[in-house]
N, C-alpha and C. Protein backbone atom coordinates (compact mmCIF):
# COMPACT_ATOMS: atom_id res chain seq x y z
N GLY A 1 -5.78 -19.33 6.58
CA GLY A 1 -7.17 -19.02 6.64
C GLY A 1 -7.88 -19.45 5.38
N PHE A 2 -9.17 -19.38 5.38
CA PHE A 2 -9.97 -19.73 4.22
C PHE A 2 -10.57 -18.46 3.62
N ASP A 3 -10.58 -18.39 2.26
CA ASP A 3 -11.32 -17.29 1.65
C ASP A 3 -12.80 -17.67 1.70
N THR A 4 -13.68 -16.81 1.21
CA THR A 4 -15.12 -17.09 1.34
C THR A 4 -15.59 -18.19 0.40
N LYS A 5 -14.73 -18.65 -0.50
CA LYS A 5 -15.07 -19.75 -1.40
C LYS A 5 -14.66 -21.09 -0.80
N GLY A 6 -14.08 -21.07 0.42
CA GLY A 6 -13.66 -22.30 1.08
C GLY A 6 -12.28 -22.77 0.65
N LYS A 7 -11.57 -21.99 -0.14
CA LYS A 7 -10.23 -22.33 -0.60
C LYS A 7 -9.22 -21.94 0.48
N TRP A 8 -8.32 -22.86 0.83
CA TRP A 8 -7.30 -22.59 1.83
C TRP A 8 -6.25 -21.67 1.24
N VAL A 9 -5.95 -20.58 1.92
CA VAL A 9 -4.93 -19.63 1.48
C VAL A 9 -4.01 -19.38 2.67
N LEU A 10 -2.72 -19.55 2.46
CA LEU A 10 -1.75 -19.36 3.52
C LEU A 10 -1.00 -18.06 3.31
N SER A 11 -1.15 -17.13 4.23
CA SER A 11 -0.39 -15.88 4.17
C SER A 11 1.02 -16.13 4.67
N VAL A 12 1.99 -15.49 4.02
CA VAL A 12 3.36 -15.53 4.53
C VAL A 12 3.47 -14.50 5.63
N ALA A 13 4.49 -14.65 6.44
CA ALA A 13 4.71 -13.70 7.52
C ALA A 13 5.37 -12.45 6.96
N VAL A 14 4.64 -11.38 6.92
CA VAL A 14 5.16 -10.07 6.53
C VAL A 14 5.25 -9.26 7.82
N THR A 15 6.43 -8.77 8.10
CA THR A 15 6.60 -7.97 9.31
C THR A 15 5.72 -6.74 9.23
N ASP A 16 4.93 -6.48 10.29
CA ASP A 16 4.13 -5.26 10.30
C ASP A 16 5.06 -4.10 9.96
N GLY A 17 4.65 -3.27 9.03
CA GLY A 17 5.48 -2.14 8.63
C GLY A 17 4.90 -1.43 7.44
N VAL A 18 5.65 -0.49 6.91
CA VAL A 18 5.23 0.32 5.77
C VAL A 18 6.01 -0.12 4.54
N TYR A 19 5.27 -0.40 3.46
CA TYR A 19 5.85 -0.95 2.24
C TYR A 19 5.34 -0.18 1.03
N GLU A 20 6.10 -0.31 -0.07
CA GLU A 20 5.62 0.04 -1.40
C GLU A 20 5.34 -1.29 -2.09
N ILE A 21 4.28 -1.33 -2.91
CA ILE A 21 3.91 -2.54 -3.63
C ILE A 21 4.29 -2.33 -5.09
N GLN A 22 5.34 -3.03 -5.55
CA GLN A 22 5.92 -2.81 -6.87
C GLN A 22 5.54 -3.94 -7.82
N GLY A 23 4.99 -3.57 -8.99
CA GLY A 23 4.64 -4.54 -10.02
C GLY A 23 5.88 -5.13 -10.66
N LYS A 24 5.83 -6.42 -11.02
CA LYS A 24 7.00 -7.10 -11.58
C LYS A 24 7.40 -6.53 -12.93
N THR A 25 6.47 -6.41 -13.85
CA THR A 25 6.79 -6.03 -15.23
C THR A 25 7.25 -4.59 -15.35
N SER A 26 6.54 -3.67 -14.72
CA SER A 26 6.81 -2.23 -14.90
C SER A 26 7.80 -1.67 -13.90
N GLY A 27 7.88 -2.28 -12.73
CA GLY A 27 8.67 -1.69 -11.65
C GLY A 27 7.98 -0.51 -11.01
N LYS A 28 6.74 -0.22 -11.44
CA LYS A 28 5.96 0.90 -10.89
C LYS A 28 5.16 0.42 -9.68
N LEU A 29 4.60 1.37 -8.94
CA LEU A 29 3.98 1.09 -7.66
C LEU A 29 2.46 1.21 -7.69
N ILE A 30 1.80 0.43 -6.82
CA ILE A 30 0.36 0.65 -6.61
C ILE A 30 0.23 2.00 -5.93
N HIS A 31 -0.70 2.80 -6.43
CA HIS A 31 -0.82 4.22 -6.07
C HIS A 31 -2.31 4.55 -5.92
N ALA A 32 -2.65 5.33 -4.93
CA ALA A 32 -4.04 5.79 -4.77
C ALA A 32 -4.21 7.10 -5.54
N ALA A 33 -5.29 7.23 -6.28
CA ALA A 33 -5.54 8.42 -7.09
C ALA A 33 -5.61 9.68 -6.22
N HIS A 34 -6.08 9.55 -4.98
CA HIS A 34 -6.15 10.66 -4.03
C HIS A 34 -6.29 10.04 -2.65
N THR A 35 -6.38 10.83 -1.60
CA THR A 35 -6.48 10.26 -0.25
C THR A 35 -7.92 10.14 0.24
N GLY A 36 -8.89 10.51 -0.56
CA GLY A 36 -10.29 10.45 -0.16
C GLY A 36 -10.88 9.06 -0.26
N ASN A 37 -12.03 8.87 0.38
CA ASN A 37 -12.75 7.61 0.33
C ASN A 37 -13.13 7.29 -1.12
N GLY A 38 -12.91 6.05 -1.55
CA GLY A 38 -13.25 5.63 -2.91
C GLY A 38 -12.17 5.89 -3.93
N ALA A 39 -10.97 6.29 -3.51
CA ALA A 39 -9.88 6.56 -4.45
C ALA A 39 -9.54 5.29 -5.22
N ALA A 40 -9.44 5.42 -6.54
CA ALA A 40 -9.07 4.28 -7.38
C ALA A 40 -7.61 3.91 -7.14
N ALA A 41 -7.35 2.60 -7.20
CA ALA A 41 -5.97 2.11 -7.15
C ALA A 41 -5.48 1.99 -8.58
N HIS A 42 -4.31 2.57 -8.84
CA HIS A 42 -3.73 2.43 -10.17
C HIS A 42 -2.21 2.35 -10.06
N LEU A 43 -1.58 2.13 -11.20
CA LEU A 43 -0.12 2.01 -11.27
C LEU A 43 0.48 3.39 -11.48
N TRP A 44 1.62 3.66 -10.82
CA TRP A 44 2.28 4.96 -11.00
C TRP A 44 3.76 4.82 -10.69
N GLN A 45 4.55 5.63 -11.37
CA GLN A 45 5.99 5.65 -11.09
C GLN A 45 6.22 6.11 -9.66
N SER A 46 7.38 5.75 -9.12
CA SER A 46 7.71 6.13 -7.74
C SER A 46 7.69 7.64 -7.60
N ALA A 47 6.96 8.12 -6.60
CA ALA A 47 6.79 9.57 -6.42
C ALA A 47 7.03 10.00 -4.98
N GLU A 48 7.48 9.09 -4.10
CA GLU A 48 7.75 9.42 -2.70
C GLU A 48 6.56 10.16 -2.07
N THR A 49 5.40 9.57 -2.14
CA THR A 49 4.17 10.16 -1.62
C THR A 49 3.43 9.15 -0.76
N VAL A 50 2.58 9.64 0.16
CA VAL A 50 1.78 8.74 0.99
C VAL A 50 0.82 7.92 0.14
N HIS A 51 0.55 8.35 -1.08
CA HIS A 51 -0.35 7.61 -1.97
C HIS A 51 0.24 6.25 -2.36
N GLN A 52 1.56 6.07 -2.12
CA GLN A 52 2.24 4.82 -2.50
C GLN A 52 2.80 4.06 -1.30
N LYS A 53 2.62 4.58 -0.12
CA LYS A 53 3.13 3.93 1.09
C LYS A 53 1.98 3.19 1.77
N MET A 54 2.16 1.88 1.96
CA MET A 54 1.10 1.04 2.50
C MET A 54 1.56 0.37 3.79
N ARG A 55 0.75 0.52 4.83
CA ARG A 55 1.04 -0.13 6.10
C ARG A 55 0.37 -1.51 6.09
N PHE A 56 1.17 -2.55 6.30
CA PHE A 56 0.66 -3.93 6.38
C PHE A 56 0.49 -4.30 7.84
N GLU A 57 -0.70 -4.78 8.18
CA GLU A 57 -1.00 -5.17 9.56
C GLU A 57 -1.64 -6.54 9.57
N LEU A 58 -1.00 -7.50 10.23
CA LEU A 58 -1.53 -8.86 10.34
C LEU A 58 -2.76 -8.87 11.22
N LEU A 59 -3.83 -9.52 10.75
CA LEU A 59 -5.09 -9.61 11.48
C LEU A 59 -5.24 -11.01 12.10
N ASP A 60 -6.23 -11.18 12.94
CA ASP A 60 -6.44 -12.44 13.67
C ASP A 60 -6.63 -13.65 12.75
N ASP A 61 -7.17 -13.45 11.55
CA ASP A 61 -7.48 -14.56 10.65
C ASP A 61 -6.33 -14.90 9.69
N GLY A 62 -5.15 -14.27 9.87
CA GLY A 62 -4.01 -14.55 8.99
C GLY A 62 -3.97 -13.69 7.75
N ALA A 63 -5.00 -12.89 7.55
CA ALA A 63 -5.02 -11.95 6.43
C ALA A 63 -4.41 -10.63 6.90
N TYR A 64 -4.18 -9.72 5.96
CA TYR A 64 -3.60 -8.42 6.26
C TYR A 64 -4.56 -7.30 5.90
N ARG A 65 -4.50 -6.25 6.71
CA ARG A 65 -5.13 -4.97 6.37
C ARG A 65 -4.01 -4.17 5.71
N ILE A 66 -4.27 -3.62 4.52
CA ILE A 66 -3.29 -2.82 3.78
C ILE A 66 -3.81 -1.39 3.74
N THR A 67 -3.18 -0.52 4.52
CA THR A 67 -3.66 0.84 4.73
C THR A 67 -2.74 1.85 4.07
N MET A 68 -3.30 2.75 3.24
CA MET A 68 -2.53 3.84 2.67
C MET A 68 -2.05 4.73 3.81
N LEU A 69 -0.79 5.08 3.80
CA LEU A 69 -0.21 5.86 4.88
C LEU A 69 -0.59 7.33 4.72
N SER A 70 -1.80 7.63 5.12
CA SER A 70 -2.29 9.01 5.11
C SER A 70 -3.08 9.20 6.39
N GLY A 71 -3.48 10.40 6.65
CA GLY A 71 -4.22 10.67 7.88
C GLY A 71 -5.62 10.10 7.89
N ASP A 72 -6.10 9.62 6.75
CA ASP A 72 -7.48 9.18 6.67
C ASP A 72 -7.66 7.67 6.81
N ASN A 73 -6.55 6.93 6.91
CA ASN A 73 -6.60 5.47 7.11
C ASN A 73 -7.46 4.74 6.09
N ARG A 74 -7.25 5.02 4.82
CA ARG A 74 -7.96 4.33 3.75
C ARG A 74 -7.28 2.99 3.47
N VAL A 75 -8.07 1.93 3.33
CA VAL A 75 -7.52 0.59 3.12
C VAL A 75 -7.83 0.08 1.72
N LEU A 76 -6.93 -0.79 1.20
CA LEU A 76 -7.15 -1.40 -0.10
C LEU A 76 -8.40 -2.26 -0.01
N THR A 77 -9.32 -2.04 -0.93
CA THR A 77 -10.64 -2.64 -0.85
C THR A 77 -11.08 -3.20 -2.19
N ASN A 78 -11.65 -4.40 -2.14
CA ASN A 78 -12.40 -4.97 -3.25
C ASN A 78 -13.84 -4.53 -2.96
N PRO A 79 -14.47 -3.76 -3.86
CA PRO A 79 -15.81 -3.25 -3.54
C PRO A 79 -16.91 -4.32 -3.56
N ASN A 80 -16.78 -5.34 -2.67
CA ASN A 80 -17.79 -6.40 -2.51
C ASN A 80 -18.14 -7.09 -3.82
N SER A 81 -17.13 -7.42 -4.62
CA SER A 81 -17.36 -8.03 -5.91
C SER A 81 -16.56 -9.32 -6.04
N THR A 82 -17.12 -10.25 -6.81
CA THR A 82 -16.40 -11.47 -7.17
C THR A 82 -16.17 -11.53 -8.67
N VAL A 83 -16.25 -10.37 -9.34
CA VAL A 83 -16.16 -10.30 -10.79
C VAL A 83 -14.75 -9.92 -11.23
N ASN A 84 -14.20 -10.69 -12.19
CA ASN A 84 -12.91 -10.34 -12.78
C ASN A 84 -12.98 -8.94 -13.38
N GLY A 85 -11.92 -8.17 -13.22
CA GLY A 85 -11.84 -6.84 -13.81
C GLY A 85 -12.36 -5.72 -12.93
N THR A 86 -12.92 -6.06 -11.76
CA THR A 86 -13.41 -5.02 -10.85
C THR A 86 -12.22 -4.23 -10.32
N GLY A 87 -12.27 -2.90 -10.49
CA GLY A 87 -11.20 -2.03 -10.03
C GLY A 87 -11.14 -1.97 -8.51
N LEU A 88 -9.92 -1.95 -7.98
CA LEU A 88 -9.74 -1.86 -6.54
C LEU A 88 -9.72 -0.40 -6.12
N GLN A 89 -10.07 -0.15 -4.86
CA GLN A 89 -10.20 1.20 -4.32
C GLN A 89 -9.58 1.27 -2.93
N PHE A 90 -9.45 2.49 -2.43
CA PHE A 90 -9.07 2.72 -1.04
C PHE A 90 -10.28 3.34 -0.35
N ASN A 91 -10.76 2.64 0.70
CA ASN A 91 -11.97 3.06 1.41
C ASN A 91 -11.75 3.03 2.93
N ASP A 92 -12.70 3.61 3.65
CA ASP A 92 -12.66 3.56 5.11
C ASP A 92 -12.72 2.10 5.56
N TRP A 93 -11.98 1.79 6.62
CA TRP A 93 -11.94 0.44 7.18
C TRP A 93 -13.27 0.10 7.84
N THR A 94 -13.83 -1.06 7.46
CA THR A 94 -15.04 -1.58 8.10
C THR A 94 -14.78 -2.94 8.74
N GLY A 95 -13.65 -3.55 8.40
CA GLY A 95 -13.29 -4.85 8.96
C GLY A 95 -13.86 -6.04 8.22
N GLU A 96 -14.58 -5.79 7.14
CA GLU A 96 -15.21 -6.89 6.40
C GLU A 96 -14.18 -7.62 5.53
N ASP A 97 -14.54 -8.83 5.08
CA ASP A 97 -13.61 -9.67 4.33
C ASP A 97 -13.13 -9.05 3.02
N HIS A 98 -13.92 -8.17 2.43
CA HIS A 98 -13.49 -7.58 1.15
C HIS A 98 -12.34 -6.58 1.33
N GLN A 99 -11.94 -6.32 2.60
CA GLN A 99 -10.81 -5.44 2.88
C GLN A 99 -9.63 -6.20 3.48
N ARG A 100 -9.68 -7.52 3.41
CA ARG A 100 -8.63 -8.37 3.98
C ARG A 100 -7.90 -9.10 2.85
N TRP A 101 -6.58 -9.18 2.97
CA TRP A 101 -5.74 -9.71 1.89
C TRP A 101 -4.77 -10.75 2.42
N TYR A 102 -4.68 -11.87 1.71
CA TYR A 102 -3.65 -12.86 2.02
C TYR A 102 -2.42 -12.52 1.17
N VAL A 103 -1.25 -12.63 1.78
CA VAL A 103 0.02 -12.40 1.09
C VAL A 103 0.65 -13.77 0.88
N VAL A 104 0.80 -14.17 -0.39
CA VAL A 104 1.27 -15.51 -0.72
C VAL A 104 2.65 -15.41 -1.35
N ASP A 105 3.61 -16.13 -0.79
CA ASP A 105 4.99 -16.12 -1.28
C ASP A 105 5.08 -16.88 -2.59
N LEU A 106 5.70 -16.25 -3.60
CA LEU A 106 5.90 -16.88 -4.91
C LEU A 106 7.36 -17.22 -5.16
N GLY A 107 8.23 -16.91 -4.20
CA GLY A 107 9.66 -17.14 -4.40
C GLY A 107 10.30 -15.98 -5.13
N ASP A 108 11.62 -15.93 -5.13
CA ASP A 108 12.40 -14.89 -5.80
C ASP A 108 12.01 -13.48 -5.35
N GLY A 109 11.49 -13.33 -4.13
CA GLY A 109 11.13 -12.02 -3.60
C GLY A 109 9.77 -11.50 -4.04
N PHE A 110 9.00 -12.31 -4.75
CA PHE A 110 7.69 -11.89 -5.23
C PHE A 110 6.56 -12.51 -4.40
N VAL A 111 5.45 -11.78 -4.31
CA VAL A 111 4.24 -12.25 -3.64
C VAL A 111 3.05 -11.98 -4.53
N LYS A 112 1.95 -12.64 -4.21
CA LYS A 112 0.65 -12.27 -4.79
C LYS A 112 -0.25 -11.92 -3.63
N LEU A 113 -1.25 -11.09 -3.89
CA LEU A 113 -2.21 -10.64 -2.89
C LEU A 113 -3.57 -11.19 -3.28
N ILE A 114 -4.16 -12.00 -2.39
CA ILE A 114 -5.45 -12.64 -2.65
C ILE A 114 -6.49 -12.06 -1.71
N ASN A 115 -7.61 -11.61 -2.27
CA ASN A 115 -8.68 -11.03 -1.46
C ASN A 115 -9.44 -12.13 -0.73
N LYS A 116 -9.67 -11.96 0.55
CA LYS A 116 -10.36 -12.97 1.35
C LYS A 116 -11.80 -13.17 0.88
N TYR A 117 -12.49 -12.12 0.52
CA TYR A 117 -13.90 -12.20 0.11
C TYR A 117 -14.06 -12.89 -1.24
N SER A 118 -13.32 -12.42 -2.25
CA SER A 118 -13.53 -12.90 -3.61
C SER A 118 -12.66 -14.09 -3.98
N GLY A 119 -11.51 -14.26 -3.29
CA GLY A 119 -10.57 -15.30 -3.68
C GLY A 119 -9.78 -14.94 -4.93
N LEU A 120 -9.95 -13.69 -5.41
CA LEU A 120 -9.26 -13.24 -6.62
C LEU A 120 -7.98 -12.50 -6.26
N ALA A 121 -7.06 -12.46 -7.22
CA ALA A 121 -5.74 -11.86 -7.01
C ALA A 121 -5.73 -10.40 -7.44
N VAL A 122 -4.90 -9.59 -6.76
CA VAL A 122 -4.62 -8.23 -7.24
C VAL A 122 -3.91 -8.38 -8.57
N ASP A 123 -4.32 -7.58 -9.56
CA ASP A 123 -3.87 -7.75 -10.94
C ASP A 123 -3.70 -6.38 -11.59
N ILE A 124 -2.63 -6.20 -12.35
CA ILE A 124 -2.44 -4.97 -13.14
C ILE A 124 -3.11 -5.20 -14.48
N SER A 125 -4.12 -4.40 -14.79
CA SER A 125 -4.92 -4.59 -15.99
C SER A 125 -4.03 -4.75 -17.23
N GLU A 126 -4.23 -5.86 -17.94
CA GLU A 126 -3.51 -6.17 -19.17
C GLU A 126 -2.00 -6.10 -19.01
N ASN A 127 -1.51 -6.31 -17.77
CA ASN A 127 -0.09 -6.23 -17.45
C ASN A 127 0.51 -4.92 -17.96
N GLY A 128 -0.29 -3.84 -17.88
CA GLY A 128 0.13 -2.53 -18.38
C GLY A 128 1.31 -1.96 -17.62
N THR A 129 1.95 -0.99 -18.24
CA THR A 129 3.12 -0.34 -17.64
C THR A 129 2.96 1.17 -17.58
N ALA A 130 1.88 1.71 -18.14
CA ALA A 130 1.69 3.17 -18.17
C ALA A 130 1.18 3.68 -16.83
N ASN A 131 1.58 4.90 -16.47
CA ASN A 131 1.00 5.55 -15.30
C ASN A 131 -0.51 5.59 -15.46
N GLY A 132 -1.25 5.27 -14.41
CA GLY A 132 -2.70 5.30 -14.45
C GLY A 132 -3.34 3.98 -14.81
N THR A 133 -2.55 2.94 -15.12
CA THR A 133 -3.12 1.63 -15.43
C THR A 133 -3.91 1.12 -14.22
N LYS A 134 -5.12 0.62 -14.49
CA LYS A 134 -6.03 0.18 -13.43
C LYS A 134 -5.47 -1.03 -12.67
N ILE A 135 -5.62 -0.98 -11.35
CA ILE A 135 -5.35 -2.14 -10.49
C ILE A 135 -6.71 -2.78 -10.23
N GLN A 136 -6.81 -4.05 -10.54
CA GLN A 136 -8.09 -4.75 -10.49
C GLN A 136 -7.91 -6.10 -9.79
N GLN A 137 -9.00 -6.84 -9.69
CA GLN A 137 -8.91 -8.22 -9.22
C GLN A 137 -9.17 -9.14 -10.40
N TRP A 138 -8.52 -10.32 -10.37
CA TRP A 138 -8.65 -11.26 -11.48
C TRP A 138 -8.38 -12.66 -10.94
N THR A 139 -8.92 -13.65 -11.62
CA THR A 139 -8.65 -15.04 -11.26
C THR A 139 -7.14 -15.25 -11.17
N ASP A 140 -6.70 -15.91 -10.11
CA ASP A 140 -5.29 -16.19 -9.90
C ASP A 140 -4.78 -17.09 -11.01
N ALA A 141 -3.92 -16.53 -11.88
CA ALA A 141 -3.39 -17.27 -13.02
C ALA A 141 -1.87 -17.41 -12.94
N GLY A 142 -1.26 -16.88 -11.89
CA GLY A 142 0.19 -16.93 -11.79
C GLY A 142 0.90 -16.02 -12.77
N ALA A 143 0.16 -15.10 -13.36
CA ALA A 143 0.72 -14.20 -14.39
C ALA A 143 1.60 -13.13 -13.76
N ASP A 144 2.52 -12.58 -14.56
CA ASP A 144 3.38 -11.49 -14.07
C ASP A 144 2.57 -10.29 -13.61
N ALA A 145 1.39 -10.08 -14.17
CA ALA A 145 0.52 -8.97 -13.77
C ALA A 145 0.04 -9.13 -12.33
N GLN A 146 0.24 -10.31 -11.74
CA GLN A 146 -0.20 -10.59 -10.38
C GLN A 146 0.98 -10.82 -9.43
N ARG A 147 2.17 -10.47 -9.88
CA ARG A 147 3.39 -10.67 -9.07
C ARG A 147 3.91 -9.31 -8.61
N PHE A 148 4.16 -9.20 -7.31
CA PHE A 148 4.58 -7.92 -6.73
C PHE A 148 5.74 -8.13 -5.76
N LYS A 149 6.54 -7.09 -5.61
CA LYS A 149 7.55 -7.05 -4.56
C LYS A 149 7.05 -6.09 -3.49
N LEU A 150 7.24 -6.46 -2.24
CA LEU A 150 6.94 -5.56 -1.13
C LEU A 150 8.27 -4.93 -0.72
N ILE A 151 8.39 -3.64 -0.96
CA ILE A 151 9.63 -2.92 -0.66
C ILE A 151 9.45 -2.20 0.66
N ARG A 152 10.18 -2.65 1.66
CA ARG A 152 10.07 -2.06 3.01
C ARG A 152 10.64 -0.66 2.98
N THR A 153 9.92 0.28 3.54
CA THR A 153 10.40 1.66 3.62
C THR A 153 11.04 1.87 4.98
N LYS A 154 11.67 3.00 5.14
CA LYS A 154 12.29 3.34 6.43
C LYS A 154 11.32 4.10 7.32
N LEU A 155 10.08 4.24 6.86
CA LEU A 155 9.09 4.96 7.65
C LEU A 155 8.66 4.12 8.84
N PRO A 156 8.32 4.76 9.94
CA PRO A 156 7.85 3.99 11.10
C PRO A 156 6.50 3.35 10.81
N TYR A 157 6.22 2.25 11.50
CA TYR A 157 4.95 1.54 11.32
C TYR A 157 3.78 2.44 11.70
N THR A 158 3.94 3.19 12.75
CA THR A 158 2.88 4.11 13.15
C THR A 158 3.38 5.53 12.95
N SER A 159 2.49 6.40 12.65
CA SER A 159 2.85 7.80 12.48
C SER A 159 1.68 8.65 12.94
N ILE A 160 1.93 9.91 13.04
CA ILE A 160 0.85 10.82 13.41
C ILE A 160 0.51 11.67 12.19
N TYR A 161 -0.69 12.15 12.16
CA TYR A 161 -1.13 13.00 11.08
C TYR A 161 -1.12 14.44 11.58
N LEU A 162 -0.41 15.30 10.86
CA LEU A 162 -0.35 16.71 11.23
C LEU A 162 -1.21 17.52 10.26
N ASN A 163 -2.00 18.38 10.79
CA ASN A 163 -2.77 19.28 9.93
C ASN A 163 -1.82 20.27 9.27
N ASP A 164 -2.26 20.88 8.17
CA ASP A 164 -1.46 21.92 7.54
C ASP A 164 -1.13 22.98 8.58
N GLY A 165 0.11 23.46 8.54
CA GLY A 165 0.50 24.47 9.52
C GLY A 165 2.00 24.65 9.53
N THR A 166 2.48 25.40 10.47
CA THR A 166 3.90 25.64 10.65
C THR A 166 4.34 24.95 11.93
N TYR A 167 5.44 24.18 11.83
CA TYR A 167 5.92 23.40 12.96
C TYR A 167 7.42 23.62 13.13
N GLU A 168 7.90 23.44 14.35
CA GLU A 168 9.32 23.41 14.63
C GLU A 168 9.72 21.95 14.81
N ILE A 169 10.91 21.59 14.30
CA ILE A 169 11.41 20.24 14.45
C ILE A 169 12.59 20.29 15.41
N GLN A 170 12.44 19.61 16.54
CA GLN A 170 13.42 19.68 17.61
C GLN A 170 14.12 18.33 17.78
N SER A 171 15.44 18.36 17.90
CA SER A 171 16.24 17.17 18.13
C SER A 171 15.94 16.61 19.52
N LYS A 172 15.68 15.31 19.59
CA LYS A 172 15.43 14.68 20.89
C LYS A 172 16.70 14.70 21.75
N THR A 173 17.85 14.55 21.10
CA THR A 173 19.11 14.46 21.83
C THR A 173 19.58 15.80 22.38
N SER A 174 19.64 16.82 21.50
CA SER A 174 20.21 18.11 21.93
C SER A 174 19.17 19.13 22.36
N GLY A 175 17.93 18.94 21.93
CA GLY A 175 16.91 19.93 22.23
C GLY A 175 16.95 21.11 21.27
N LYS A 176 17.91 21.11 20.33
CA LYS A 176 18.03 22.21 19.37
C LYS A 176 17.05 22.00 18.22
N LEU A 177 16.77 23.10 17.51
CA LEU A 177 15.83 23.08 16.39
C LEU A 177 16.57 23.00 15.07
N ILE A 178 15.92 22.39 14.05
CA ILE A 178 16.47 22.44 12.70
C ILE A 178 16.30 23.87 12.21
N HIS A 179 17.36 24.41 11.64
CA HIS A 179 17.41 25.82 11.28
C HIS A 179 18.03 25.95 9.89
N ALA A 180 17.48 26.84 9.06
CA ALA A 180 18.08 27.13 7.75
C ALA A 180 19.11 28.24 7.91
N ALA A 181 20.26 28.06 7.27
CA ALA A 181 21.33 29.06 7.37
C ALA A 181 20.89 30.41 6.80
N ASN A 182 20.08 30.38 5.74
CA ASN A 182 19.51 31.61 5.16
C ASN A 182 18.29 31.23 4.34
N TRP A 183 17.71 32.18 3.63
CA TRP A 183 16.45 31.94 2.93
C TRP A 183 16.62 31.60 1.46
N THR A 184 17.81 31.36 0.96
CA THR A 184 18.03 31.08 -0.46
C THR A 184 17.90 29.59 -0.74
N ASN A 185 17.57 29.25 -2.00
CA ASN A 185 17.51 27.84 -2.41
C ASN A 185 18.87 27.19 -2.19
N GLY A 186 18.86 25.97 -1.71
CA GLY A 186 20.10 25.24 -1.48
C GLY A 186 20.75 25.54 -0.16
N SER A 187 20.11 26.37 0.66
CA SER A 187 20.65 26.73 1.96
C SER A 187 20.82 25.48 2.83
N ALA A 188 21.91 25.41 3.58
CA ALA A 188 22.16 24.28 4.47
C ALA A 188 21.22 24.33 5.67
N ALA A 189 20.83 23.14 6.12
CA ALA A 189 20.05 23.01 7.35
C ALA A 189 20.97 22.51 8.44
N HIS A 190 20.82 23.04 9.63
CA HIS A 190 21.65 22.63 10.75
C HIS A 190 20.88 22.81 12.06
N LEU A 191 21.42 22.25 13.11
CA LEU A 191 20.80 22.44 14.43
C LEU A 191 21.22 23.77 15.01
N TRP A 192 20.26 24.46 15.63
CA TRP A 192 20.54 25.79 16.19
C TRP A 192 19.78 25.98 17.48
């Protein structure tokens, strides 16, 4: 596909699924500050949270929608800017080009993410390694700050959002429920 500057960008085939986006230098992950609209994207150590799980979905134009795996369906967004250093956010999906990303293979298991609207690359500010380092867009320079690994998770591509509450978990095979042997820490879980 073409970005809005008329530059040809070829996305690699990424299997639709849920991934973590890991920076080359730090080994840390792109993380949403919260699950609300407008959440800043920043770098954070692995925390096994929906703030770091991203669903990649191939769109008709060869670009990808990158959605934070939360009940609110917030997508990685360039806030309609073509300026270097603009911080990326997670916002409600509108389908516009500033929410579409090309995934470009760099070899050795690394990719870069190019925004369809701006033609700029996802970039870790100053190639930082500290938790909270800003994720921004920057001119594609082939720098390590713009190199990422997509780590496939074992989570299903689609999931349901459950409101806070109490639920029973039932085995599809046996029909039995997951049960705690007792109420103490470290208690074994088994089917009952």
